[in-house]
Amino acid sequence: MLLDAWNKQQWIYDQLDNAWYTPEEFKTKWKLLVTDHNLNRFVARSPEFGIAESLENSRRALERAEELHKKLQGYYEVELRRKH
């Protein structure tokens, strides 16, 4: 995986912790990060794709927060009208 990442100019992505490592960082931290039981949580990926994916996730989270905000505003506006 490490050699493949190096050759394809990819980084190592930890799918469990959502952490990114350059191939050099990953090689240095190999003994701390990898065990026989958790190697499958690491994948070689394009860091540019990771940025695009993170931005898309942020956009969706912002949309959900805005929808919740509108719902809350509507709820309390109706609630205030009921009390009068």
PDB file of N, CA and C in Angstrom:
ATOM      1  N   MET A   1       0.828  -1.186   0.000  1.00  0.00           N
ATOM      2  CA  MET A   1       0.000   0.000   0.000  1.00  0.00           C
ATOM      3  C   MET A   1       0.876   1.256   0.000  1.00  0.00           C
ATOM      4  N   LEU A   2       1.886   1.273   0.805  1.00  0.00           N
ATOM      5  CA  LEU A   2       2.737   2.459   0.921  1.00  0.00           C
ATOM      6  C   LEU A   2       3.468   2.746  -0.388  1.00  0.00           C
ATOM      7  N   LEU A   3       4.020   1.730  -0.995  1.00  0.00           N
ATOM      8  CA  LEU A   3       4.721   1.907  -2.268  1.00  0.00           C
ATOM      9  C   LEU A   3       3.745   2.344  -3.358  1.00  0.00           C
ATOM     10  N   ASP A   4       2.561   1.742  -3.357  1.00  0.00           N
ATOM     11  CA  ASP A   4       1.530   2.110  -4.323  1.00  0.00           C
ATOM     12  C   ASP A   4       1.135   3.577  -4.154  1.00  0.00           C
ATOM     13  N   ALA A   5       0.955   4.000  -2.920  1.00  0.00           N
ATOM     14  CA  ALA A   5       0.610   5.397  -2.643  1.00  0.00           C
ATOM     15  C   ALA A   5       1.726   6.325  -3.124  1.00  0.00           C
ATOM     16  N   TRP A   6       2.947   5.943  -2.849  1.00  0.00           N
ATOM     17  CA  TRP A   6       4.087   6.763  -3.257  1.00  0.00           C
ATOM     18  C   TRP A   6       4.131   6.904  -4.780  1.00  0.00           C
ATOM     19  N   ASN A   7       3.969   5.787  -5.479  1.00  0.00           N
ATOM     20  CA  ASN A   7       4.042   5.799  -6.943  1.00  0.00           C
ATOM     21  C   ASN A   7       2.896   6.578  -7.586  1.00  0.00           C
ATOM     22  N   LYS A   8       1.741   6.577  -6.960  1.00  0.00           N
ATOM     23  CA  LYS A   8       0.567   7.264  -7.513  1.00  0.00           C
ATOM     24  C   LYS A   8       0.383   8.669  -6.933  1.00  0.00           C
ATOM     25  N   GLN A   9       1.350   9.117  -6.147  1.00  0.00           N
ATOM     26  CA  GLN A   9       1.289  10.424  -5.479  1.00  0.00           C
ATOM     27  C   GLN A   9       0.010  10.565  -4.649  1.00  0.00           C
ATOM     28  N   GLN A  10      -0.277   9.513  -3.915  1.00  0.00           N
ATOM     29  CA  GLN A  10      -1.428   9.516  -3.023  1.00  0.00           C
ATOM     30  C   GLN A  10      -0.948   9.575  -1.584  1.00  0.00           C
ATOM     31  N   TRP A  11      -1.877   9.850  -0.692  1.00  0.00           N
ATOM     32  CA  TRP A  11      -1.601   9.844   0.734  1.00  0.00           C
ATOM     33  C   TRP A  11      -2.346   8.679   1.363  1.00  0.00           C
ATOM     34  N   ILE A  12      -2.046   8.426   2.630  1.00  0.00           N
ATOM     35  CA  ILE A  12      -2.704   7.345   3.363  1.00  0.00           C
ATOM     36  C   ILE A  12      -3.821   7.953   4.198  1.00  0.00           C
ATOM     37  N   TYR A  13      -5.006   7.393   4.044  1.00  0.00           N
ATOM     38  CA  TYR A  13      -6.183   7.891   4.757  1.00  0.00           C
ATOM     39  C   TYR A  13      -6.625   6.852   5.776  1.00  0.00           C
ATOM     40  N   ASP A  14      -6.793   7.275   7.012  1.00  0.00           N
ATOM     41  CA  ASP A  14      -7.292   6.424   8.091  1.00  0.00           C
ATOM     42  C   ASP A  14      -8.813   6.585   8.117  1.00  0.00           C
ATOM     43  N   GLN A  15      -9.519   5.554   7.667  1.00  0.00           N
ATOM     44  CA  GLN A  15     -10.970   5.619   7.543  1.00  0.00           C
ATOM     45  C   GLN A  15     -11.681   5.680   8.888  1.00  0.00           C
ATOM     46  N   LEU A  16     -11.045   5.217   9.933  1.00  0.00           N
ATOM     47  CA  LEU A  16     -11.662   5.226  11.254  1.00  0.00           C
ATOM     48  C   LEU A  16     -11.528   6.595  11.926  1.00  0.00           C
ATOM     49  N   ASP A  17     -10.350   7.171  11.868  1.00  0.00           N
ATOM     50  CA  ASP A  17     -10.089   8.462  12.527  1.00  0.00           C
ATOM     51  C   ASP A  17     -10.214   9.660  11.594  1.00  0.00           C
ATOM     52  N   ASN A  18     -10.486   9.404  10.308  1.00  0.00           N
ATOM     53  CA  ASN A  18     -10.548  10.479   9.308  1.00  0.00           C
ATOM     54  C   ASN A  18      -9.272  11.318   9.315  1.00  0.00           C
ATOM     55  N   ALA A  19      -8.145  10.649   9.394  1.00  0.00           N
ATOM     56  CA  ALA A  19      -6.845  11.330   9.434  1.00  0.00           C
ATOM     57  C   ALA A  19      -6.075  11.040   8.145  1.00  0.00           C
ATOM     58  N   TRP A  20      -5.302  12.013   7.716  1.00  0.00           N
ATOM     59  CA  TRP A  20      -4.491  11.892   6.510  1.00  0.00           C
ATOM     60  C   TRP A  20      -3.013  11.871   6.880  1.00  0.00           C
ATOM     61  N   TYR A  21      -2.247  11.029   6.184  1.00  0.00           N
ATOM     62  CA  TYR A  21      -0.802  10.940   6.385  1.00  0.00           C
ATOM     63  C   TYR A  21      -0.112  10.967   5.027  1.00  0.00           C
ATOM     64  N   THR A  22       0.953  11.745   4.927  1.00  0.00           N
ATOM     65  CA  THR A  22       1.779  11.646   3.725  1.00  0.00           C
ATOM     66  C   THR A  22       2.437  10.268   3.773  1.00  0.00           C
ATOM     67  N   PRO A  23       2.888   9.761   2.633  1.00  0.00           N
ATOM     68  CA  PRO A  23       3.578   8.465   2.676  1.00  0.00           C
ATOM     69  C   PRO A  23       4.765   8.470   3.643  1.00  0.00           C
ATOM     70  N   GLU A  24       5.468   9.602   3.712  1.00  0.00           N
ATOM     71  CA  GLU A  24       6.624   9.698   4.615  1.00  0.00           C
ATOM     72  C   GLU A  24       6.183   9.639   6.080  1.00  0.00           C
ATOM     73  N   GLU A  25       5.125  10.366   6.408  1.00  0.00           N
ATOM     74  CA  GLU A  25       4.605  10.346   7.787  1.00  0.00           C
ATOM     75  C   GLU A  25       4.147   8.944   8.172  1.00  0.00           C
ATOM     76  N   PHE A  26       3.437   8.317   7.256  1.00  0.00           N
ATOM     77  CA  PHE A  26       2.897   6.988   7.544  1.00  0.00           C
ATOM     78  C   PHE A  26       4.025   5.984   7.761  1.00  0.00           C
ATOM     79  N   LYS A  27       5.045   6.076   6.937  1.00  0.00           N
ATOM     80  CA  LYS A  27       6.191   5.175   7.090  1.00  0.00           C
ATOM     81  C   LYS A  27       6.847   5.377   8.450  1.00  0.00           C
ATOM     82  N   THR A  28       6.991   6.632   8.861  1.00  0.00           N
ATOM     83  CA  THR A  28       7.602   6.952  10.154  1.00  0.00           C
ATOM     84  C   THR A  28       6.757   6.443  11.317  1.00  0.00           C
ATOM     85  N   LYS A  29       5.433   6.554  11.195  1.00  0.00           N
ATOM     86  CA  LYS A  29       4.526   6.190  12.289  1.00  0.00           C
ATOM     87  C   LYS A  29       3.967   4.775  12.174  1.00  0.00           C
ATOM     88  N   TRP A  30       4.443   4.008  11.209  1.00  0.00           N
ATOM     89  CA  TRP A  30       3.910   2.673  10.923  1.00  0.00           C
ATOM     90  C   TRP A  30       3.740   1.829  12.178  1.00  0.00           C
ATOM     91  N   LYS A  31       4.786   1.731  12.985  1.00  0.00           N
ATOM     92  CA  LYS A  31       4.744   0.863  14.170  1.00  0.00           C
ATOM     93  C   LYS A  31       3.731   1.341  15.203  1.00  0.00           C
ATOM     94  N   LEU A  32       3.449   2.635  15.235  1.00  0.00           N
ATOM     95  CA  LEU A  32       2.458   3.171  16.175  1.00  0.00           C
ATOM     96  C   LEU A  32       1.030   3.014  15.664  1.00  0.00           C
ATOM     97  N   LEU A  33       0.866   3.040  14.353  1.00  0.00           N
ATOM     98  CA  LEU A  33      -0.473   3.060  13.769  1.00  0.00           C
ATOM     99  C   LEU A  33      -1.023   1.692  13.394  1.00  0.00           C
ATOM    100  N   VAL A  34      -0.172   0.835  12.882  1.00  0.00           N
ATOM    101  CA  VAL A  34      -0.641  -0.390  12.233  1.00  0.00           C
ATOM    102  C   VAL A  34      -0.427  -1.620  13.104  1.00  0.00           C
ATOM    103  N   THR A  35      -1.478  -2.438  13.166  1.00  0.00           N
ATOM    104  CA  THR A  35      -1.394  -3.760  13.793  1.00  0.00           C
ATOM    105  C   THR A  35      -1.907  -4.780  12.782  1.00  0.00           C
ATOM    106  N   ASP A  36      -1.805  -6.046  13.126  1.00  0.00           N
ATOM    107  CA  ASP A  36      -2.334  -7.094  12.247  1.00  0.00           C
ATOM    108  C   ASP A  36      -3.846  -6.988  12.095  1.00  0.00           C
ATOM    109  N   HIS A  37      -4.498  -6.348  13.051  1.00  0.00           N
ATOM    110  CA  HIS A  37      -5.961  -6.306  13.075  1.00  0.00           C
ATOM    111  C   HIS A  37      -6.563  -5.034  12.482  1.00  0.00           C
ATOM    112  N   ASN A  38      -5.765  -4.018  12.227  1.00  0.00           N
ATOM    113  CA  ASN A  38      -6.360  -2.757  11.769  1.00  0.00           C
ATOM    114  C   ASN A  38      -5.815  -2.238  10.438  1.00  0.00           C
ATOM    115  N   LEU A  39      -5.032  -3.008   9.743  1.00  0.00           N
ATOM    116  CA  LEU A  39      -4.445  -2.538   8.487  1.00  0.00           C
ATOM    117  C   LEU A  39      -5.509  -2.141   7.466  1.00  0.00           C
ATOM    118  N   ASN A  40      -6.660  -2.814   7.497  1.00  0.00           N
ATOM    119  CA  ASN A  40      -7.697  -2.529   6.498  1.00  0.00           C
ATOM    120  C   ASN A  40      -8.368  -1.172   6.694  1.00  0.00           C
ATOM    121  N   ARG A  41      -8.108  -0.500   7.790  1.00  0.00           N
ATOM    122  CA  ARG A  41      -8.694   0.835   7.986  1.00  0.00           C
ATOM    123  C   ARG A  41      -7.923   1.910   7.233  1.00  0.00           C
ATOM    124  N   PHE A  42      -6.736   1.586   6.733  1.00  0.00           N
ATOM    125  CA  PHE A  42      -5.902   2.529   5.994  1.00  0.00           C
ATOM    126  C   PHE A  42      -5.999   2.259   4.496  1.00  0.00           C
ATOM    127  N   VAL A  43      -6.194   3.330   3.733  1.00  0.00           N
ATOM    128  CA  VAL A  43      -6.258   3.210   2.277  1.00  0.00           C
ATOM    129  C   VAL A  43      -5.439   4.326   1.647  1.00  0.00           C
ATOM    130  N   ALA A  44      -4.924   4.052   0.467  1.00  0.00           N
ATOM    131  CA  ALA A  44      -4.213   5.073  -0.303  1.00  0.00           C
ATOM    132  C   ALA A  44      -5.251   5.832  -1.121  1.00  0.00           C
ATOM    133  N   ARG A  45      -5.257   7.164  -0.977  1.00  0.00           N
ATOM    134  CA  ARG A  45      -6.237   7.993  -1.683  1.00  0.00           C
ATOM    135  C   ARG A  45      -5.596   9.297  -2.128  1.00  0.00           C
ATOM    136  N   SER A  46      -6.240   9.896  -3.079  1.00  0.00           N
ATOM    137  CA  SER A  46      -5.812  11.213  -3.543  1.00  0.00           C
ATOM    138  C   SER A  46      -6.180  12.252  -2.494  1.00  0.00           C
ATOM    139  N   PRO A  47      -5.228  13.052  -2.029  1.00  0.00           N
ATOM    140  CA  PRO A  47      -5.577  14.087  -1.053  1.00  0.00           C
ATOM    141  C   PRO A  47      -6.515  15.137  -1.649  1.00  0.00           C
ATOM    142  N   GLU A  48      -6.411  15.385  -2.955  1.00  0.00           N
ATOM    143  CA  GLU A  48      -7.326  16.335  -3.599  1.00  0.00           C
ATOM    144  C   GLU A  48      -8.761  15.825  -3.536  1.00  0.00           C
ATOM    145  N   PHE A  49      -8.943  14.529  -3.765  1.00  0.00           N
ATOM    146  CA  PHE A  49     -10.272  13.934  -3.649  1.00  0.00           C
ATOM    147  C   PHE A  49     -10.771  14.050  -2.210  1.00  0.00           C
ATOM    148  N   GLY A  50      -9.877  13.874  -1.263  1.00  0.00           N
ATOM    149  CA  GLY A  50     -10.251  14.002   0.146  1.00  0.00           C
ATOM    150  C   GLY A  50     -10.728  15.400   0.491  1.00  0.00           C
ATOM    151  N   ILE A  51     -10.067  16.404  -0.062  1.00  0.00           N
ATOM    152  CA  ILE A  51     -10.492  17.790   0.172  1.00  0.00           C
ATOM    153  C   ILE A  51     -11.866  18.022  -0.438  1.00  0.00           C
ATOM    154  N   ALA A  52     -12.060  17.572  -1.671  1.00  0.00           N
ATOM    155  CA  ALA A  52     -13.355  17.746  -2.337  1.00  0.00           C
ATOM    156  C   ALA A  52     -14.463  17.043  -1.560  1.00  0.00           C
ATOM    157  N   GLU A  53     -14.182  15.848  -1.081  1.00  0.00           N
ATOM    158  CA  GLU A  53     -15.166  15.093  -0.302  1.00  0.00           C
ATOM    159  C   GLU A  53     -15.485  15.811   1.013  1.00  0.00           C
ATOM    160  N   SER A  54     -14.467  16.338   1.676  1.00  0.00           N
ATOM    161  CA  SER A  54     -14.685  17.070   2.931  1.00  0.00           C
ATOM    162  C   SER A  54     -15.524  18.320   2.708  1.00  0.00           C
ATOM    163  N   LEU A  55     -15.254  19.037   1.626  1.00  0.00           N
ATOM    164  CA  LEU A  55     -16.037  20.234   1.317  1.00  0.00           C
ATOM    165  C   LEU A  55     -17.494  19.881   1.030  1.00  0.00           C
ATOM    166  N   GLU A  56     -17.710  18.785   0.322  1.00  0.00           N
ATOM    167  CA  GLU A  56     -19.082  18.352   0.031  1.00  0.00           C
ATOM    168  C   GLU A  56     -19.802  17.954   1.316  1.00  0.00           C
ATOM    169  N   ASN A  57     -19.122  17.251   2.201  1.00  0.00           N
ATOM    170  CA  ASN A  57     -19.724  16.880   3.489  1.00  0.00           C
ATOM    171  C   ASN A  57     -20.054  18.120   4.311  1.00  0.00           C
ATOM    172  N   SER A  58     -19.176  19.113   4.272  1.00  0.00           N
ATOM    173  CA  SER A  58     -19.433  20.366   4.994  1.00  0.00           C
ATOM    174  C   SER A  58     -20.638  21.091   4.412  1.00  0.00           C
ATOM    175  N   ARG A  59     -20.746  21.097   3.096  1.00  0.00           N
ATOM    176  CA  ARG A  59     -21.883  21.744   2.436  1.00  0.00           C
ATOM    177  C   ARG A  59     -23.196  21.083   2.845  1.00  0.00           C
ATOM    178  N   ARG A  60     -23.212  19.748   2.853  1.00  0.00           N
ATOM    179  CA  ARG A  60     -24.432  19.021   3.251  1.00  0.00           C
ATOM    180  C   ARG A  60     -24.765  19.266   4.714  1.00  0.00           C
ATOM    181  N   ALA A  61     -23.754  19.303   5.568  1.00  0.00           N
ATOM    182  CA  ALA A  61     -23.994  19.569   6.993  1.00  0.00           C
ATOM    183  C   ALA A  61     -24.557  20.971   7.185  1.00  0.00           C
ATOM    184  N   LEU A  62     -24.051  21.936   6.440  1.00  0.00           N
ATOM    185  CA  LEU A  62     -24.563  23.303   6.522  1.00  0.00           C
ATOM    186  C   LEU A  62     -26.018  23.368   6.056  1.00  0.00           C
ATOM    187  N   GLU A  63     -26.340  22.658   4.987  1.00  0.00           N
ATOM    188  CA  GLU A  63     -27.729  22.618   4.509  1.00  0.00           C
ATOM    189  C   GLU A  63     -28.652  22.037   5.577  1.00  0.00           C
ATOM    190  N   ARG A  64     -28.226  20.954   6.213  1.00  0.00           N
ATOM    191  CA  ARG A  64     -29.049  20.336   7.269  1.00  0.00           C
ATOM    192  C   ARG A  64     -29.220  21.280   8.449  1.00  0.00           C
ATOM    193  N   ALA A  65     -28.164  21.992   8.808  1.00  0.00           N
ATOM    194  CA  ALA A  65     -28.251  22.947   9.917  1.00  0.00           C
ATOM    195  C   ALA A  65     -29.202  24.089   9.566  1.00  0.00           C
ATOM    196  N   GLU A  66     -29.144  24.567   8.332  1.00  0.00           N
ATOM    197  CA  GLU A  66     -30.052  25.636   7.908  1.00  0.00           C
ATOM    198  C   GLU A  66     -31.501  25.162   7.910  1.00  0.00           C
ATOM    199  N   GLU A  67     -31.737  23.922   7.466  1.00  0.00           N
ATOM    200  CA  GLU A  67     -33.093  23.364   7.492  1.00  0.00           C
ATOM    201  C   GLU A  67     -33.609  23.262   8.925  1.00  0.00           C
ATOM    202  N   LEU A  68     -32.770  22.815   9.836  1.00  0.00           N
ATOM    203  CA  LEU A  68     -33.158  22.715  11.240  1.00  0.00           C
ATOM    204  C   LEU A  68     -33.453  24.100  11.809  1.00  0.00           C
ATOM    205  N   HIS A  69     -32.631  25.070  11.457  1.00  0.00           N
ATOM    206  CA  HIS A  69     -32.839  26.432  11.938  1.00  0.00           C
ATOM    207  C   HIS A  69     -34.195  26.968  11.473  1.00  0.00           C
ATOM    208  N   LYS A  70     -34.523  26.761  10.208  1.00  0.00           N
ATOM    209  CA  LYS A  70     -35.822  27.199   9.680  1.00  0.00           C
ATOM    210  C   LYS A  70     -36.968  26.487  10.396  1.00  0.00           C
ATOM    211  N   LYS A  71     -36.788  25.207  10.636  1.00  0.00           N
ATOM    212  CA  LYS A  71     -37.819  24.426  11.322  1.00  0.00           C
ATOM    213  C   LYS A  71     -38.034  24.950  12.742  1.00  0.00           C
ATOM    214  N   LEU A  72     -36.949  25.235  13.437  1.00  0.00           N
ATOM    215  CA  LEU A  72     -37.044  25.786  14.791  1.00  0.00           C
ATOM    216  C   LEU A  72     -37.725  27.148  14.793  1.00  0.00           C
ATOM    217  N   GLN A  73     -37.342  27.996  13.862  1.00  0.00           N
ATOM    218  CA  GLN A  73     -37.971  29.317  13.779  1.00  0.00           C
ATOM    219  C   GLN A  73     -39.470  29.181  13.536  1.00  0.00           C
ATOM    220  N   GLY A  74     -39.842  28.319  12.606  1.00  0.00           N
ATOM    221  CA  GLY A  74     -41.255  28.103  12.316  1.00  0.00           C
ATOM    222  C   GLY A  74     -42.004  27.562  13.511  1.00  0.00           C
ATOM    223  N   TYR A  75     -41.397  26.644  14.216  1.00  0.00           N
ATOM    224  CA  TYR A  75     -42.035  26.047  15.389  1.00  0.00           C
ATOM    225  C   TYR A  75     -42.312  27.100  16.453  1.00  0.00           C
ATOM    226  N   TYR A  76     -41.314  27.910  16.761  1.00  0.00           N
ATOM    227  CA  TYR A  76     -41.494  28.900  17.821  1.00  0.00           C
ATOM    228  C   TYR A  76     -42.403  30.049  17.396  1.00  0.00           C
ATOM    229  N   GLU A  77     -42.436  30.372  16.116  1.00  0.00           N
ATOM    230  CA  GLU A  77     -43.382  31.386  15.646  1.00  0.00           C
ATOM    231  C   GLU A  77     -44.810  30.901  15.831  1.00  0.00           C
ATOM    232  N   VAL A  78     -45.079  29.656  15.489  1.00  0.00           N
ATOM    233  CA  VAL A  78     -46.414  29.074  15.671  1.00  0.00           C
ATOM    234  C   VAL A  78     -46.728  28.968  17.153  1.00  0.00           C
ATOM    235  N   GLU A  79     -45.777  28.553  17.943  1.00  0.00           N
ATOM    236  CA  GLU A  79     -45.967  28.413  19.395  1.00  0.00           C
ATOM    237  C   GLU A  79     -46.327  29.755  20.025  1.00  0.00           C
ATOM    238  N   LEU A  80     -45.653  30.824  19.610  1.00  0.00           N
ATOM    239  CA  LEU A  80     -45.949  32.151  20.153  1.00  0.00           C
ATOM    240  C   LEU A  80     -47.342  32.612  19.739  1.00  0.00           C
ATOM    241  N   ARG A  81     -47.749  32.293  18.510  1.00  0.00           N
ATOM    242  CA  ARG A  81     -49.087  32.683  18.055  1.00  0.00           C
ATOM    243  C   ARG A  81     -50.162  31.936  18.828  1.00  0.00           C
ATOM    244  N   ARG A  82     -49.898  30.696  19.206  1.00  0.00           N
ATOM    245  CA  ARG A  82     -50.876  29.900  19.961  1.00  0.00           C
ATOM    246  C   ARG A  82     -51.110  30.474  21.350  1.00  0.00           C
ATOM    247  N   LYS A  83     -50.087  31.062  21.931  1.00  0.00           N
ATOM    248  CA  LYS A  83     -50.191  31.580  23.302  1.00  0.00           C
ATOM    249  C   LYS A  83     -50.951  32.897  23.356  1.00  0.00           C
ATOM    250  N   HIS A  84     -51.084  33.596  22.243  1.00  0.00           N
ATOM    251  CA  HIS A  84     -51.764  34.902  22.243  1.00  0.00           C
ATOM    252  C   HIS A  84     -53.219  34.753  21.959  1.00  0.00           C
TER     253      HIS A  84
END
